[in-house]
């Protein structure tokens, strides 16, 4: 189960809060089922959120916290913001999925 806090996103502007939550929850679930999550420190993950095109880079990244039996999304961040924290948990940059690497290192 994915629980979503209220957040403001320019990518989802114009949608009702219910529609925003549904879009993010379904996009997170889609990414998790395909093994696209990147581990962070302390039982948390970065999950790519594809809102427009699932074949390209994600529109935003959802930092996910594992709490009891649910996943909690508290915010959405730009993919370039996720890179430094994701990089801290791998030995080599090449171990990260391409979507989380900055454009200049691909």
Protein backbone atom coordinates (compact mmCIF):
# COMPACT_ATOMS: atom_id res chain seq x y z
CA UNK A 1 0.00 0.00 0.00
CA UNK A 2 1.26 3.46 -0.90
CA UNK A 3 0.35 6.38 1.37
CA UNK A 4 0.86 9.89 0.02
CA UNK A 5 1.16 13.10 2.00
CA UNK A 6 -0.22 16.27 0.49
CA UNK A 7 2.41 17.94 -1.65
CA UNK A 8 2.58 20.54 -4.37
CA UNK A 9 3.90 19.55 -7.77
CA UNK A 10 4.09 21.59 -10.95
CA UNK A 11 3.93 18.33 -12.92
CA UNK A 12 0.51 17.58 -11.44
CA UNK A 13 -0.81 21.14 -11.25
CA UNK A 14 -4.44 21.47 -12.22
CA UNK A 15 -5.44 18.03 -10.94
CA UNK A 16 -7.47 17.52 -7.80
CA UNK A 17 -5.68 16.16 -4.74
CA UNK A 18 -7.37 12.79 -5.24
CA UNK A 19 -6.23 12.64 -8.89
CA UNK A 20 -2.69 13.67 -7.91
CA UNK A 21 -2.50 10.94 -5.27
CA UNK A 22 -3.86 8.32 -7.67
CA UNK A 23 -1.42 9.31 -10.43
CA UNK A 24 1.59 9.16 -8.10
CA UNK A 25 0.49 5.94 -6.37
CA UNK A 26 -0.04 4.14 -9.68
CA UNK A 27 3.24 5.44 -11.13
CA UNK A 28 5.14 4.35 -8.00
CA UNK A 29 3.53 0.91 -8.09
CA UNK A 30 4.36 0.55 -11.80
CA UNK A 31 8.03 1.40 -11.14
CA UNK A 32 8.27 -0.89 -8.09
CA UNK A 33 6.88 -3.87 -10.01
CA UNK A 34 9.58 -3.34 -12.63
CA UNK A 35 12.39 -3.16 -10.07
CA UNK A 36 13.27 0.48 -10.77
CA UNK A 37 13.64 1.59 -7.13
CA UNK A 38 17.08 2.71 -5.95
CA UNK A 39 17.98 2.06 -2.32
CA UNK A 40 18.85 4.95 -0.04
CA UNK A 41 20.02 4.92 3.53
CA UNK A 42 17.74 3.83 6.40
CA UNK A 43 14.97 1.79 4.77
CA UNK A 44 14.10 4.30 2.10
CA UNK A 45 14.20 4.32 -1.68
CA UNK A 46 14.04 6.59 -4.70
CA UNK A 47 11.34 5.51 -7.14
CA UNK A 48 11.05 7.05 -10.61
CA UNK A 49 7.62 8.54 -11.36
CA UNK A 50 6.73 8.48 -15.05
CA UNK A 51 3.72 10.71 -15.66
CA UNK A 52 3.98 11.43 -19.38
CA UNK A 53 6.30 8.87 -21.02
CA UNK A 54 7.27 5.54 -19.46
CA UNK A 55 10.00 4.92 -22.03
CA UNK A 56 12.08 8.01 -21.22
CA UNK A 57 13.55 9.50 -18.10
CA UNK A 58 11.13 9.95 -15.19
CA UNK A 59 9.32 13.25 -14.76
CA UNK A 60 10.05 13.28 -11.02
CA UNK A 61 11.37 10.96 -8.32
CA UNK A 62 9.44 9.91 -5.24
CA UNK A 63 11.55 9.45 -2.10
CA UNK A 64 9.81 6.49 -0.41
CA UNK A 65 9.97 5.66 3.30
CA UNK A 66 9.04 2.18 4.52
CA UNK A 67 6.81 2.43 7.60
CA UNK A 68 5.23 -0.73 9.00
CA UNK A 69 3.35 -2.32 6.09
CA UNK A 70 3.15 0.71 3.84
CA UNK A 71 5.26 2.91 1.63
CA UNK A 72 5.02 6.64 2.29
CA UNK A 73 5.60 9.33 -0.35
CA UNK A 74 6.19 12.71 1.30
CA UNK A 75 7.46 14.70 -1.67
CA UNK A 76 8.47 14.61 -5.31
CA UNK A 77 11.93 15.75 -6.39
CA UNK A 78 13.71 16.28 -9.68
CA UNK A 79 15.85 13.27 -10.74
CA UNK A 80 19.08 15.30 -10.51
CA UNK A 81 18.33 15.97 -6.83
CA UNK A 82 18.17 12.22 -6.11
CA UNK A 83 21.63 11.47 -7.51
CA UNK A 84 23.90 12.49 -4.58
CA UNK A 85 22.00 10.43 -1.99
CA UNK A 86 21.63 7.43 -4.30
CA UNK A 87 25.33 7.63 -5.17
CA UNK A 88 26.22 7.34 -1.47
CA UNK A 89 24.98 3.73 -1.24
CA UNK A 90 26.80 2.23 -4.26
CA UNK A 91 30.50 1.62 -4.83
CA UNK A 92 30.55 2.77 -8.46
CA UNK A 93 28.38 5.21 -10.37
CA UNK A 94 27.74 2.50 -12.97
CA UNK A 95 25.75 0.51 -10.40
CA UNK A 96 23.01 3.12 -10.49
CA UNK A 97 20.23 2.88 -13.07
CA UNK A 98 20.64 5.32 -15.93
CA UNK A 99 17.61 7.41 -14.94
CA UNK A 100 19.21 8.53 -11.68
CA UNK A 101 22.59 9.51 -13.18
CA UNK A 102 23.12 13.14 -14.18
CA UNK A 103 22.97 13.72 -17.94
CA UNK A 104 26.64 14.63 -18.19
CA UNK A 105 27.73 11.22 -16.79
CA UNK A 106 25.58 8.98 -19.02
